[in-house]
Each structure stands twice: as C-alpha cells, then as structure tokens.
Amino acid sequence: MATNLEFKAQYPSLESLYPRLTELNAGHRETINQIDTYFYVTQVKDPAISEVCKPRLKLREIGETGEGWLIYYERPNHNESRYSQYQLSEIANPSTLKALLTAALGVEVIVKKQREVWMFKNTRIHLDTVMDLGQFIELETVFQGQTEAEAIDEHQHVKNTLHLGTADPVAVSYSDLVMQKKS
C-alpha cells in the first residue's frame, strides 16, 4: 500500500491561510465538490490493525467531472501527524459501483465537502468546507521520490509555515465527525 503523512485540524477561517500559502509558494490546483460514501468494513485482513486504527472504505465522487475513486485506508486516530496506508483505484462508473457496494456492504455515512486543493512539492494541502461540520485544513505528504526523513521535514515545514501549531487538531475521519454529530 502507498503511504502518506497526514495532519487535520479544524480552522475558523480558511481565507486567513491564503497569505501563508503564498509565503509557502504553494500552488492552487483546483476547487472541487466531493461526495464520500463510506461503507461498512466488517472484516479486516489483520485483526491487529483494528486495535490501532479503523480501516475505512469509501467511494469518492467528484461532482463536476463525474470522476470516481474507490479508496481503502488504514490510519490511526491521533491528533498529531500520523501515517496513513492507502490504496486507491479510479472508477469509470461510480454510480454503478456505489449501488453494488451499498447492496453488498451497506452505507455507514456520507460526507459532502467543497475542497480547495493546493500543492507544495509532495504535500497536498486541502482547505475543506464540510457540510454540517465547518472548515478544516488537511495535509497529506505523499512518500514519493523522497526518503521518509525528507517527507517528514517537508510535512513539518508546511505545518510551520502555515502556523498549524495553534490549530485545533482533529484525530478522526470526517465520517466519524458526521456520525458523532448525528448521535
């Protein structure tokens, strides 16, 4: 599986990050609407994993393009930066796969968000406005063409430049936050 280093925080004003993104020399890639449908994962290949983190399976639909991605990931629920192991596959017909997975596994929760995607080297910077939850910033530093130490340094540089040390960290997935709000 691929690996990245992630950090997520609730952020009161995403607009206040724009000057820092400019200082970082991050490039704006796109602004998109996403619908993430999370399915129940009832069995995992390694029971020890579920002791450390909750495995998740989601179908991401990107509204404007009709594009779809099936994403499986394992990530511990920690406030600080944490490693995420993931696999993804582009889906040609997301509505058909969504119907199949809904019938086979059942839908756990749906998360809708608007996402601004910014890039700094191998770090994706997501400025997310999540329906019914608020505004968040999420960093994903992909381990690609660099050592683990270089990826960690890059990740920390982005966190420092964006002044995320004072942000309100979020340990869990948006899916968990939506479910907590509903209960």
Protein backbone atom coordinates (compact mmCIF):
# COMPACT_ATOMS: atom_id res chain seq x y z
CA MET A 1 0.00 0.00 0.00
CA ALA A 2 1.06 3.60 -0.54
CA THR A 3 1.96 5.78 2.45
CA ASN A 4 1.49 9.39 3.35
CA LEU A 5 1.85 11.54 6.45
CA GLU A 6 -1.38 13.33 7.38
CA PHE A 7 -2.50 16.11 9.66
CA LYS A 8 -6.01 17.53 10.03
CA ALA A 9 -7.28 20.50 12.02
CA GLN A 10 -10.47 22.47 12.34
CA TYR A 11 -9.78 26.01 11.21
CA PRO A 12 -12.04 29.01 11.85
CA SER A 13 -11.12 30.97 8.70
CA LEU A 14 -9.62 29.24 5.69
CA GLU A 15 -9.30 32.63 3.96
CA SER A 16 -6.70 33.65 6.56
CA LEU A 17 -4.43 30.90 5.21
CA TYR A 18 -4.08 32.44 1.73
CA PRO A 19 -1.18 34.79 2.63
CA ARG A 20 0.65 31.87 4.27
CA LEU A 21 0.05 29.67 1.22
CA THR A 22 1.61 32.44 -0.87
CA GLU A 23 4.58 32.63 1.54
CA LEU A 24 4.95 28.84 1.24
CA ASN A 25 4.85 29.18 -2.56
CA ALA A 26 2.07 26.57 -2.75
CA GLY A 27 0.15 26.34 -6.00
CA HIS A 28 -3.63 26.21 -6.24
CA ARG A 29 -4.65 23.15 -8.27
CA GLU A 30 -8.44 23.10 -8.19
CA THR A 31 -11.61 23.64 -6.20
CA ILE A 32 -13.98 20.67 -6.32
CA ASN A 33 -17.10 19.28 -4.70
CA GLN A 34 -16.73 15.77 -3.33
CA ILE A 35 -19.18 13.23 -2.01
CA ASP A 36 -17.52 10.46 0.03
CA THR A 37 -19.73 7.44 0.70
CA TYR A 38 -18.24 5.30 3.48
CA PHE A 39 -19.17 1.63 3.52
CA TYR A 40 -19.14 -0.75 6.47
CA VAL A 41 -15.90 -2.70 6.75
CA THR A 42 -16.81 -5.69 8.88
CA GLN A 43 -13.77 -7.88 8.38
CA VAL A 44 -10.13 -6.90 8.16
CA LYS A 45 -7.20 -8.90 6.87
CA ASP A 46 -5.23 -8.36 10.10
CA PRO A 47 -7.22 -8.09 13.37
CA ALA A 48 -4.27 -6.31 14.99
CA ILE A 49 -4.89 -3.38 12.64
CA SER A 50 -8.34 -2.71 14.08
CA GLU A 51 -6.76 -2.37 17.53
CA VAL A 52 -4.66 0.54 16.23
CA CYS A 53 -6.93 2.13 13.65
CA LYS A 54 -10.28 1.73 12.00
CA PRO A 55 -9.96 0.54 8.38
CA ARG A 56 -12.15 2.57 6.03
CA LEU A 57 -13.55 2.05 2.54
CA LYS A 58 -15.07 4.97 0.67
CA LEU A 59 -16.22 5.83 -2.79
CA ARG A 60 -15.32 9.42 -3.70
CA GLU A 61 -17.45 11.07 -6.36
CA ILE A 62 -16.24 14.36 -7.81
CA GLY A 63 -19.31 16.31 -8.84
CA GLU A 64 -18.10 18.44 -11.71
CA THR A 65 -16.27 15.70 -13.58
CA GLY A 66 -18.25 12.54 -12.85
CA GLU A 67 -14.90 11.10 -11.76
CA GLY A 68 -14.85 8.44 -9.07
CA TRP A 69 -12.24 6.84 -6.82
CA LEU A 70 -12.52 3.80 -4.57
CA ILE A 71 -10.26 4.38 -1.57
CA TYR A 72 -9.30 1.96 1.20
CA TYR A 73 -7.20 3.31 4.04
CA GLU A 74 -5.87 2.48 7.47
CA ARG A 75 -4.92 5.38 9.71
CA PRO A 76 -4.67 5.67 13.48
CA ASN A 77 -6.81 8.25 15.22
CA HIS A 78 -4.21 10.65 16.65
CA ASN A 79 -4.29 14.43 16.99
CA GLU A 80 -0.76 14.83 15.69
CA SER A 81 0.60 13.98 12.25
CA ARG A 82 0.15 10.29 11.53
CA TYR A 83 0.94 7.76 8.85
CA SER A 84 -1.81 6.57 6.56
CA GLN A 85 -1.61 3.43 4.43
CA TYR A 86 -3.94 3.51 1.45
CA GLN A 87 -4.91 2.00 -1.87
CA LEU A 88 -6.99 3.70 -4.49
CA SER A 89 -8.49 2.89 -7.83
CA GLU A 90 -10.07 5.21 -10.37
CA ILE A 91 -13.65 4.18 -11.13
CA ALA A 92 -15.19 4.67 -14.59
CA ASN A 93 -18.81 4.37 -13.45
CA PRO A 94 -19.07 5.38 -9.79
CA SER A 95 -22.89 5.21 -9.59
CA THR A 96 -22.92 1.53 -10.58
CA LEU A 97 -20.18 0.66 -8.09
CA LYS A 98 -21.94 2.69 -5.39
CA ALA A 99 -25.12 0.64 -5.90
CA LEU A 100 -23.15 -2.61 -5.78
CA LEU A 101 -21.23 -1.69 -2.60
CA THR A 102 -24.38 -0.38 -0.95
CA ALA A 103 -26.11 -3.72 -1.59
CA ALA A 104 -23.08 -5.78 -0.50
CA LEU A 105 -21.74 -3.80 2.47
CA GLY A 106 -24.23 -1.08 3.39
CA VAL A 107 -23.58 2.65 3.73
CA GLU A 108 -22.12 3.78 7.03
CA VAL A 109 -22.20 7.53 6.35
CA ILE A 110 -21.96 10.12 3.56
CA VAL A 111 -19.68 13.17 3.78
CA LYS A 112 -20.12 16.14 1.42
CA LYS A 113 -17.47 18.80 1.11
CA GLN A 114 -16.00 21.53 -1.02
CA ARG A 115 -12.24 21.12 -1.28
CA GLU A 116 -9.61 23.58 -2.43
CA VAL A 117 -6.51 21.60 -3.40
CA TRP A 118 -3.13 23.31 -3.06
CA MET A 119 0.28 21.70 -3.63
CA PHE A 120 3.70 22.22 -2.15
CA LYS A 121 6.17 19.68 -3.58
CA ASN A 122 4.75 16.28 -2.43
CA THR A 123 2.30 17.77 0.07
CA ARG A 124 -1.37 18.17 -0.81
CA ILE A 125 -2.96 20.95 1.21
CA HIS A 126 -6.74 20.64 1.41
CA LEU A 127 -8.89 23.55 2.52
CA ASP A 128 -12.17 21.78 3.22
CA THR A 129 -15.62 23.12 3.94
CA VAL A 130 -17.51 20.07 5.17
CA MET A 131 -21.31 20.15 5.17
CA ASP A 132 -22.70 20.37 8.73
CA LEU A 133 -19.19 20.36 10.27
CA GLY A 134 -17.34 23.54 9.28
CA GLN A 135 -13.93 24.39 7.91
CA PHE A 136 -10.79 22.26 8.10
CA ILE A 137 -7.27 22.09 6.78
CA GLU A 138 -5.75 18.74 5.92
CA LEU A 139 -2.17 17.99 4.90
CA GLU A 140 -1.15 14.83 3.07
CA THR A 141 2.57 14.45 2.39
CA VAL A 142 2.96 11.60 -0.07
CA PHE A 143 6.04 9.38 0.22
CA GLN A 144 7.03 9.54 -3.42
CA GLY A 145 10.55 10.00 -4.74
CA GLN A 146 11.94 11.03 -1.36
CA THR A 147 13.16 9.42 1.84
CA GLU A 148 10.96 9.15 4.89
CA ALA A 149 13.11 11.80 6.64
CA GLU A 150 12.71 14.18 3.68
CA ALA A 151 8.94 13.65 3.67
CA ILE A 152 8.75 14.33 7.42
CA ASP A 153 10.85 17.51 7.01
CA GLU A 154 8.63 18.73 4.17
CA HIS A 155 5.48 17.98 6.18
CA GLN A 156 6.81 19.85 9.22
CA HIS A 157 7.90 22.79 7.04
CA VAL A 158 4.35 23.11 5.66
CA LYS A 159 2.85 22.88 9.17
CA ASN A 160 5.25 25.54 10.47
CA THR A 161 4.80 27.94 7.55
CA LEU A 162 1.00 27.70 7.82
CA HIS A 163 1.23 28.16 11.64
CA LEU A 164 -0.77 24.99 12.29
CA GLY A 165 0.74 24.53 15.75
CA THR A 166 -2.08 26.70 17.12
CA ALA A 167 -4.83 24.97 15.10
CA ASP A 168 -7.39 22.67 16.70
CA PRO A 169 -6.20 19.17 15.63
CA VAL A 170 -8.72 16.51 14.62
CA ALA A 171 -7.84 12.87 15.29
CA VAL A 172 -10.62 11.19 13.35
CA SER A 173 -12.08 10.96 9.86
CA TYR A 174 -14.78 13.35 8.66
CA SER A 175 -17.01 10.25 8.61
CA ASP A 176 -16.53 9.86 12.38
CA LEU A 177 -17.33 13.53 12.97
CA VAL A 178 -20.54 13.30 10.92
CA MET A 179 -21.62 10.15 12.82
CA GLN A 180 -20.83 11.82 16.17
CA LYS A 181 -22.95 14.81 15.20
CA LYS A 182 -25.89 12.58 14.23
CA SER A 183 -25.86 10.65 17.53
